[in-house]
Amino acid sequence: AAADAARLPDARVLAVERRFLGAGLPGRVFFKHIFQAPGLYLGYGANTFPGVADGLFAKDMQRAQQQLDAAADAANAVAAALRP
């Protein structure tokens, strides 16, 4: 029983992390994480909200808004998953 209780937090973390994965960033579908990915022009440097940042950098407000909506949906899904 104690081992099952110890695994519960791990399962919740895994479930949360999976909700941060999307179909992939526009033009970089191999990067699936909605909240962090290597920046287009940062080398190995990380970008937070990479889809939004890429859209803003390209002055593509529609893409930036779509990526922002996807991030909000993921955050809402995580919040729902963490509710007792």
Protein backbone atom coordinates (compact mmCIF):
# COMPACT_ATOMS: atom_id res chain seq x y z
CA ALA A 1 0.00 0.00 0.00
CA ALA A 2 2.85 2.37 0.85
CA ALA A 3 4.51 1.67 -2.51
CA ASP A 4 1.26 2.49 -4.32
CA ALA A 5 0.97 5.75 -2.38
CA ALA A 6 4.56 6.63 -3.29
CA ARG A 7 3.86 6.08 -7.00
CA LEU A 8 0.76 8.31 -6.97
CA PRO A 9 2.70 11.62 -7.07
CA ASP A 10 4.89 10.26 -9.89
CA ALA A 11 1.82 9.32 -11.90
CA ARG A 12 0.33 12.77 -11.37
CA VAL A 13 3.54 14.51 -12.48
CA LEU A 14 3.67 12.32 -15.58
CA ALA A 15 0.02 13.08 -16.37
CA VAL A 16 0.65 16.80 -15.97
CA GLU A 17 3.77 16.77 -18.14
CA ARG A 18 1.94 14.92 -20.91
CA ARG A 19 -0.67 17.67 -21.02
CA PHE A 20 2.12 20.10 -21.95
CA LEU A 21 2.73 18.21 -25.19
CA GLY A 22 0.99 19.36 -28.35
CA ALA A 23 1.05 18.44 -32.01
CA GLY A 24 4.34 20.28 -32.42
CA LEU A 25 5.41 23.84 -33.02
CA PRO A 26 4.57 25.34 -36.41
CA GLY A 27 7.52 24.69 -38.69
CA ARG A 28 9.24 22.59 -35.99
CA VAL A 29 6.86 19.73 -35.35
CA PHE A 30 9.56 17.66 -33.64
CA PHE A 31 9.35 20.07 -30.67
CA LYS A 32 6.13 19.13 -28.91
CA HIS A 33 6.36 20.94 -25.56
CA ILE A 34 4.06 23.95 -25.45
CA PHE A 35 5.84 25.83 -22.66
CA GLN A 36 9.52 25.40 -23.53
CA ALA A 37 11.69 24.50 -26.49
CA PRO A 38 14.99 25.64 -28.00
CA GLY A 39 14.64 29.07 -29.55
CA LEU A 40 14.90 29.49 -33.29
CA TYR A 41 17.81 31.89 -32.97
CA LEU A 42 19.16 30.97 -29.54
CA GLY A 43 21.18 27.90 -30.41
CA TYR A 44 20.56 25.60 -27.48
CA GLY A 45 19.03 28.38 -25.39
CA ALA A 46 15.50 27.70 -24.23
CA ASN A 47 12.49 29.78 -25.17
CA THR A 48 9.44 29.90 -22.93
CA PHE A 49 6.15 29.79 -24.81
CA PRO A 50 8.12 29.05 -27.98
CA GLY A 51 5.13 29.01 -30.35
CA VAL A 52 4.02 32.42 -29.13
CA ALA A 53 7.56 33.78 -29.30
CA ASP A 54 8.08 32.42 -32.82
CA GLY A 55 4.81 33.97 -33.99
CA LEU A 56 5.67 37.34 -32.46
CA PHE A 57 9.17 37.28 -33.91
CA ALA A 58 7.71 36.55 -37.36
CA LYS A 59 5.10 39.31 -36.81
CA ASP A 60 2.44 36.64 -37.40
CA MET A 61 -0.15 37.62 -34.80
CA GLN A 62 -2.60 34.93 -35.89
CA ARG A 63 -0.02 32.20 -35.26
CA ALA A 64 1.00 33.82 -31.97
CA GLN A 65 -2.64 33.89 -30.84
CA GLN A 66 -3.21 30.27 -31.87
CA GLN A 67 -0.17 29.20 -29.89
CA LEU A 68 -1.26 31.30 -26.91
CA ASP A 69 -4.68 29.63 -27.04
CA ALA A 70 -3.00 26.20 -27.12
CA ALA A 71 -0.90 27.12 -24.08
CA ALA A 72 -3.99 28.32 -22.22
CA ASP A 73 -5.82 25.10 -23.07
CA ALA A 74 -2.88 23.06 -21.77
CA ALA A 75 -2.72 25.10 -18.56
CA ASN A 76 -6.45 24.59 -18.02
CA ALA A 77 -6.09 20.84 -18.62
CA VAL A 78 -3.28 20.69 -16.08
CA ALA A 79 -5.32 22.62 -13.52
CA ALA A 80 -8.23 20.22 -14.02
CA ALA A 81 -5.94 17.20 -13.67
CA LEU A 82 -4.53 18.48 -10.39
CA ARG A 83 -7.88 19.11 -8.75
CA PRO A 84 -8.63 16.52 -6.07
